[in-house]
Amino acid sequence: MHLLPQGICPQTQATLGSNAMHLQVVADQRSGRLVAVGAIDNLTKGTAGAAIQCLNLALGLDESTGLTTVGLAP
């Protein structure tokens, strides 16, 4: 997970094809609420990525083997 700098909104293009999550958190002073917005590639970060992580663990490999945290788009 990558917490983005203040003022930068998460974009799905930055996580496309990766096992990363980009997160932005902002305090809304008016409503007294915390707003959290995240972007993921739901295929890689979702069940398919989880299956690869589990297989890696079952085989005694590093959990992140074969899973990149760098997206395809700049």
C-alpha atoms as a PDB file:
ATOM      1  CA  MET A   1       0.000   0.000   0.000  1.00  0.00           C
ATOM      2  CA  HIS A   2       1.241   3.472  -0.877  1.00  0.00           C
ATOM      3  CA  LEU A   3      -0.073   6.491   1.024  1.00  0.00           C
ATOM      4  CA  LEU A   4      -0.060   9.337  -1.485  1.00  0.00           C
ATOM      5  CA  PRO A   5       1.128  12.875  -0.681  1.00  0.00           C
ATOM      6  CA  GLN A   6      -1.515  15.428   0.259  1.00  0.00           C
ATOM      7  CA  GLY A   7      -3.421  16.706  -2.767  1.00  0.00           C
ATOM      8  CA  ILE A   8      -2.673  13.700  -5.004  1.00  0.00           C
ATOM      9  CA  CYS A   9      -5.705  11.539  -5.795  1.00  0.00           C
ATOM     10  CA  PRO A  10      -5.383   7.784  -6.401  1.00  0.00           C
ATOM     11  CA  GLN A  11      -5.787   6.711 -10.029  1.00  0.00           C
ATOM     12  CA  THR A  12      -6.489   3.210 -11.265  1.00  0.00           C
ATOM     13  CA  GLN A  13      -4.060   3.681 -14.177  1.00  0.00           C
ATOM     14  CA  ALA A  14      -1.207   3.861 -11.647  1.00  0.00           C
ATOM     15  CA  THR A  15      -2.125   0.465 -10.171  1.00  0.00           C
ATOM     16  CA  LEU A  16      -3.094  -1.339 -13.398  1.00  0.00           C
ATOM     17  CA  GLY A  17      -1.369  -4.718 -13.575  1.00  0.00           C
ATOM     18  CA  SER A  18       0.159  -4.430 -10.123  1.00  0.00           C
ATOM     19  CA  ASN A  19      -0.429  -5.815  -6.656  1.00  0.00           C
ATOM     20  CA  ALA A  20      -0.341  -2.301  -5.185  1.00  0.00           C
ATOM     21  CA  MET A  21      -2.913  -0.052  -3.577  1.00  0.00           C
ATOM     22  CA  HIS A  22      -2.716   3.732  -3.684  1.00  0.00           C
ATOM     23  CA  LEU A  23      -4.462   5.450  -0.798  1.00  0.00           C
ATOM     24  CA  GLN A  24      -5.358   9.047   0.005  1.00  0.00           C
ATOM     25  CA  VAL A  25      -6.853  10.111   3.339  1.00  0.00           C
ATOM     26  CA  VAL A  26      -8.358  13.551   4.002  1.00  0.00           C
ATOM     27  CA  ALA A  27     -10.053  14.986   7.086  1.00  0.00           C
ATOM     28  CA  ASP A  28     -13.307  16.763   6.161  1.00  0.00           C
ATOM     29  CA  GLN A  29     -13.433  19.526   8.779  1.00  0.00           C
ATOM     30  CA  ARG A  30     -16.970  20.555   7.837  1.00  0.00           C
ATOM     31  CA  SER A  31     -18.556  17.151   8.461  1.00  0.00           C
ATOM     32  CA  GLY A  32     -16.034  15.919  11.035  1.00  0.00           C
ATOM     33  CA  ARG A  33     -15.356  12.794   8.973  1.00  0.00           C
ATOM     34  CA  LEU A  34     -12.316  11.085   7.595  1.00  0.00           C
ATOM     35  CA  VAL A  35     -12.489  10.377   3.859  1.00  0.00           C
ATOM     36  CA  ALA A  36     -10.330   7.544   2.494  1.00  0.00           C
ATOM     37  CA  VAL A  37     -10.052   6.819  -1.233  1.00  0.00           C
ATOM     38  CA  GLY A  38      -8.101   3.912  -2.661  1.00  0.00           C
ATOM     39  CA  ALA A  39      -7.286   2.572  -6.117  1.00  0.00           C
ATOM     40  CA  ILE A  40      -6.432  -1.054  -6.936  1.00  0.00           C
ATOM     41  CA  ASP A  41      -6.365  -3.359  -9.935  1.00  0.00           C
ATOM     42  CA  ASN A  42      -9.018  -5.745  -8.679  1.00  0.00           C
ATOM     43  CA  LEU A  43      -7.701  -8.664 -10.741  1.00  0.00           C
ATOM     44  CA  THR A  44      -4.114  -8.546  -9.552  1.00  0.00           C
ATOM     45  CA  LYS A  45      -4.856  -7.192  -6.070  1.00  0.00           C
ATOM     46  CA  GLY A  46      -8.028  -9.287  -5.857  1.00  0.00           C
ATOM     47  CA  THR A  47      -8.508 -13.034  -5.828  1.00  0.00           C
ATOM     48  CA  ALA A  48      -5.996 -13.821  -8.582  1.00  0.00           C
ATOM     49  CA  GLY A  49      -3.226 -11.997  -6.733  1.00  0.00           C
ATOM     50  CA  ALA A  50      -4.255 -13.600  -3.437  1.00  0.00           C
ATOM     51  CA  ALA A  51      -4.051 -17.042  -5.066  1.00  0.00           C
ATOM     52  CA  ILE A  52      -0.489 -16.338  -6.200  1.00  0.00           C
ATOM     53  CA  GLN A  53       0.449 -15.085  -2.722  1.00  0.00           C
ATOM     54  CA  CYS A  54      -1.008 -18.229  -1.113  1.00  0.00           C
ATOM     55  CA  LEU A  55       0.780 -20.489  -3.594  1.00  0.00           C
ATOM     56  CA  ASN A  56       4.059 -18.693  -2.883  1.00  0.00           C
ATOM     57  CA  LEU A  57       3.593 -19.217   0.849  1.00  0.00           C
ATOM     58  CA  ALA A  58       2.646 -22.875   0.378  1.00  0.00           C
ATOM     59  CA  LEU A  59       5.809 -23.434  -1.685  1.00  0.00           C
ATOM     60  CA  GLY A  60       8.014 -21.610   0.819  1.00  0.00           C
ATOM     61  CA  LEU A  61       8.704 -18.709  -1.548  1.00  0.00           C
ATOM     62  CA  ASP A  62       8.679 -15.018  -0.762  1.00  0.00           C
ATOM     63  CA  GLU A  63       5.047 -13.892  -0.640  1.00  0.00           C
ATOM     64  CA  SER A  64       5.542 -11.270  -3.370  1.00  0.00           C
ATOM     65  CA  THR A  65       7.276 -13.531  -5.923  1.00  0.00           C
ATOM     66  CA  GLY A  66       5.722 -12.918  -9.348  1.00  0.00           C
ATOM     67  CA  LEU A  67       3.669  -9.959  -8.112  1.00  0.00           C
ATOM     68  CA  THR A  68       4.837  -6.491  -9.051  1.00  0.00           C
ATOM     69  CA  THR A  69       3.900  -3.308  -7.213  1.00  0.00           C
ATOM     70  CA  VAL A  70       4.701  -1.170 -10.268  1.00  0.00           C
ATOM     71  CA  GLY A  71       1.708  -0.366 -12.494  1.00  0.00           C
ATOM     72  CA  LEU A  72       1.737  -0.587 -16.293  1.00  0.00           C
ATOM     73  CA  ALA A  73       0.818   3.063 -16.853  1.00  0.00           C
ATOM     74  CA  PRO A  74       3.081   5.957 -15.808  1.00  0.00           C
END
